[in-house]
């Protein structure tokens, strides 16, 4: 909690126009995290289907290289 309080104090010391920049940056970080979560979830959900396609006896010859 001490870190949160320090951040709040720093935010309170900023001019209003800088607070808008901080808010935009926080929104950017949150959206990036959401995007990364979506990508991770999509990859995890498609892993079994991809494994079925890529892990087959016909392609064993390619695994030797």
N, C-alpha and C. Protein backbone atom coordinates (compact mmCIF):
# COMPACT_ATOMS: atom_id res chain seq x y z
N UNK A 1 0.81 -1.20 0.00
CA UNK A 1 0.00 0.00 0.00
C UNK A 1 0.85 1.26 0.00
N UNK A 2 2.06 1.20 0.56
CA UNK A 2 2.93 2.37 0.60
C UNK A 2 3.26 2.84 -0.81
N UNK A 3 3.45 1.89 -1.73
CA UNK A 3 3.74 2.26 -3.11
C UNK A 3 2.55 2.98 -3.73
N UNK A 4 1.34 2.51 -3.44
CA UNK A 4 0.15 3.17 -3.95
C UNK A 4 0.05 4.60 -3.44
N UNK A 5 0.32 4.79 -2.17
CA UNK A 5 0.24 6.12 -1.58
C UNK A 5 1.28 7.04 -2.19
N UNK A 6 2.49 6.53 -2.42
CA UNK A 6 3.54 7.34 -3.05
C UNK A 6 3.12 7.76 -4.45
N UNK A 7 2.52 6.84 -5.17
CA UNK A 7 2.06 7.16 -6.53
C UNK A 7 0.95 8.20 -6.49
N UNK A 8 0.03 8.06 -5.58
CA UNK A 8 -1.07 9.03 -5.45
C UNK A 8 -0.52 10.42 -5.13
N UNK A 9 0.48 10.47 -4.26
CA UNK A 9 1.08 11.76 -3.93
C UNK A 9 1.75 12.38 -5.15
N UNK A 10 2.42 11.57 -5.93
CA UNK A 10 3.05 12.08 -7.16
C UNK A 10 2.00 12.58 -8.14
N UNK A 11 0.92 11.84 -8.27
CA UNK A 11 -0.16 12.26 -9.16
C UNK A 11 -0.78 13.57 -8.70
N UNK A 12 -0.98 13.71 -7.41
CA UNK A 12 -1.56 14.93 -6.87
C UNK A 12 -0.67 16.14 -7.11
N UNK A 13 0.63 15.93 -7.28
CA UNK A 13 1.55 17.03 -7.50
C UNK A 13 1.63 17.47 -8.96
N UNK A 14 1.04 16.69 -9.85
CA UNK A 14 1.11 17.01 -11.27
C UNK A 14 0.06 18.05 -11.66
N UNK A 15 0.40 18.86 -12.67
CA UNK A 15 -0.63 19.77 -13.23
C UNK A 15 -1.70 18.95 -13.95
N UNK A 16 -2.87 19.53 -14.10
CA UNK A 16 -4.02 18.84 -14.68
C UNK A 16 -3.72 18.30 -16.08
N UNK A 17 -3.02 19.07 -16.91
CA UNK A 17 -2.75 18.61 -18.27
C UNK A 17 -1.84 17.38 -18.26
N UNK A 18 -0.97 17.27 -17.29
CA UNK A 18 -0.10 16.09 -17.18
C UNK A 18 -0.90 14.88 -16.68
N UNK A 19 -1.89 15.12 -15.87
CA UNK A 19 -2.74 14.02 -15.40
C UNK A 19 -3.45 13.35 -16.57
N UNK A 20 -3.84 14.15 -17.55
CA UNK A 20 -4.48 13.59 -18.74
C UNK A 20 -3.51 12.68 -19.48
N UNK A 21 -2.24 13.06 -19.54
CA UNK A 21 -1.23 12.21 -20.19
C UNK A 21 -1.05 10.90 -19.42
N UNK A 22 -1.02 11.00 -18.11
CA UNK A 22 -0.87 9.81 -17.27
C UNK A 22 -2.07 8.89 -17.48
N UNK A 23 -3.24 9.45 -17.52
CA UNK A 23 -4.45 8.64 -17.72
C UNK A 23 -4.40 7.94 -19.07
N UNK A 24 -3.98 8.65 -20.11
CA UNK A 24 -3.86 8.03 -21.44
C UNK A 24 -2.87 6.88 -21.41
N UNK A 25 -1.75 7.08 -20.71
CA UNK A 25 -0.74 6.03 -20.63
C UNK A 25 -1.26 4.81 -19.88
N UNK A 26 -1.97 5.04 -18.80
CA UNK A 26 -2.55 3.94 -18.03
C UNK A 26 -3.56 3.18 -18.89
N UNK A 27 -4.37 3.90 -19.64
CA UNK A 27 -5.32 3.24 -20.55
C UNK A 27 -4.58 2.40 -21.58
N UNK A 28 -3.48 2.93 -22.12
CA UNK A 28 -2.68 2.20 -23.09
C UNK A 28 -2.15 0.90 -22.48
N UNK A 29 -1.61 0.98 -21.28
CA UNK A 29 -1.07 -0.20 -20.61
C UNK A 29 -2.17 -1.24 -20.39
N UNK A 30 -3.33 -0.80 -19.95
CA UNK A 30 -4.44 -1.73 -19.71
C UNK A 30 -4.89 -2.41 -21.00
N UNK A 31 -4.99 -1.64 -22.09
CA UNK A 31 -5.39 -2.23 -23.37
C UNK A 31 -4.35 -3.22 -23.87
N UNK A 32 -3.08 -2.88 -23.70
CA UNK A 32 -2.01 -3.79 -24.12
C UNK A 32 -2.10 -5.10 -23.33
N UNK A 33 -2.36 -5.01 -22.06
CA UNK A 33 -2.49 -6.21 -21.23
C UNK A 33 -3.69 -7.05 -21.67
N UNK A 34 -4.79 -6.38 -21.99
CA UNK A 34 -5.97 -7.10 -22.47
C UNK A 34 -5.66 -7.81 -23.79
N UNK A 35 -4.95 -7.12 -24.68
CA UNK A 35 -4.59 -7.72 -25.96
C UNK A 35 -3.71 -8.95 -25.75
N UNK A 36 -2.73 -8.83 -24.87
CA UNK A 36 -1.83 -9.95 -24.60
C UNK A 36 -2.59 -11.12 -23.98
N UNK A 37 -3.55 -10.82 -23.13
CA UNK A 37 -4.36 -11.88 -22.54
C UNK A 37 -5.18 -12.59 -23.60
N UNK A 38 -5.76 -11.82 -24.52
CA UNK A 38 -6.53 -12.43 -25.61
C UNK A 38 -5.66 -13.33 -26.47
N UNK A 39 -4.46 -12.88 -26.77
CA UNK A 39 -3.55 -13.69 -27.60
C UNK A 39 -3.17 -14.97 -26.87
N UNK A 40 -2.84 -14.86 -25.58
CA UNK A 40 -2.48 -16.05 -24.81
C UNK A 40 -3.66 -17.03 -24.75
N UNK A 41 -4.85 -16.52 -24.52
CA UNK A 41 -6.02 -17.40 -24.45
C UNK A 41 -6.32 -18.05 -25.79
N UNK A 42 -6.18 -17.30 -26.86
CA UNK A 42 -6.42 -17.86 -28.19
C UNK A 42 -5.40 -18.95 -28.50
N UNK A 43 -4.14 -18.70 -28.16
CA UNK A 43 -3.10 -19.71 -28.40
C UNK A 43 -3.36 -20.96 -27.58
N UNK A 44 -3.74 -20.78 -26.33
CA UNK A 44 -4.00 -21.94 -25.47
C UNK A 44 -5.20 -22.74 -25.96
N UNK A 45 -6.23 -22.04 -26.42
CA UNK A 45 -7.43 -22.76 -26.86
C UNK A 45 -7.22 -23.46 -28.20
N UNK A 46 -6.31 -22.98 -29.02
CA UNK A 46 -6.08 -23.62 -30.31
C UNK A 46 -4.97 -24.66 -30.26
N UNK A 47 -4.25 -24.76 -29.16
CA UNK A 47 -3.12 -25.69 -29.06
C UNK A 47 -3.51 -27.14 -29.36
N UNK A 48 -4.63 -27.65 -28.83
CA UNK A 48 -4.98 -29.05 -29.14
C UNK A 48 -5.25 -29.27 -30.64
N UNK A 49 -5.89 -28.33 -31.29
CA UNK A 49 -6.18 -28.47 -32.72
C UNK A 49 -4.89 -28.43 -33.53
N UNK A 50 -4.00 -27.54 -33.16
CA UNK A 50 -2.72 -27.43 -33.87
C UNK A 50 -1.89 -28.69 -33.64
N UNK A 51 -1.89 -29.19 -32.42
CA UNK A 51 -1.13 -30.40 -32.12
C UNK A 51 -1.62 -31.57 -32.96
N UNK A 52 -2.92 -31.66 -33.15
CA UNK A 52 -3.47 -32.75 -33.96
C UNK A 52 -3.01 -32.67 -35.40
N UNK A 53 -2.83 -31.47 -35.90
CA UNK A 53 -2.40 -31.28 -37.29
C UNK A 53 -0.90 -31.52 -37.42
N UNK A 54 -0.12 -30.98 -36.50
CA UNK A 54 1.34 -31.02 -36.62
C UNK A 54 1.96 -32.29 -36.09
N UNK A 55 1.37 -32.92 -35.12
CA UNK A 55 1.93 -34.14 -34.54
C UNK A 55 1.27 -35.36 -35.16
N UNK A 56 1.81 -35.79 -36.29
CA UNK A 56 1.25 -36.97 -36.95
C UNK A 56 2.38 -37.78 -37.58
N UNK A 57 2.15 -39.05 -37.77
CA UNK A 57 3.21 -39.93 -38.31
C UNK A 57 3.71 -39.52 -39.69
N UNK A 58 2.85 -38.95 -40.50
CA UNK A 58 3.25 -38.56 -41.85
C UNK A 58 4.34 -37.49 -41.84
N UNK A 59 4.37 -36.66 -40.82
CA UNK A 59 5.34 -35.59 -40.74
C UNK A 59 6.58 -35.93 -39.92
N UNK A 60 6.68 -37.17 -39.45
CA UNK A 60 7.84 -37.57 -38.66
C UNK A 60 9.15 -37.39 -39.42
N UNK A 61 9.12 -37.56 -40.73
CA UNK A 61 10.33 -37.39 -41.53
C UNK A 61 10.88 -35.98 -41.41
N UNK A 62 10.02 -35.00 -41.25
CA UNK A 62 10.47 -33.61 -41.12
C UNK A 62 11.08 -33.33 -39.74
N UNK A 63 10.70 -34.12 -38.75
CA UNK A 63 11.23 -33.92 -37.42
C UNK A 63 12.69 -34.33 -37.30
N UNK A 64 13.18 -35.13 -38.25
CA UNK A 64 14.56 -35.61 -38.22
C UNK A 64 15.56 -34.51 -38.55
N UNK A 65 15.13 -33.43 -39.16
CA UNK A 65 16.06 -32.36 -39.56
C UNK A 65 16.35 -31.42 -38.46
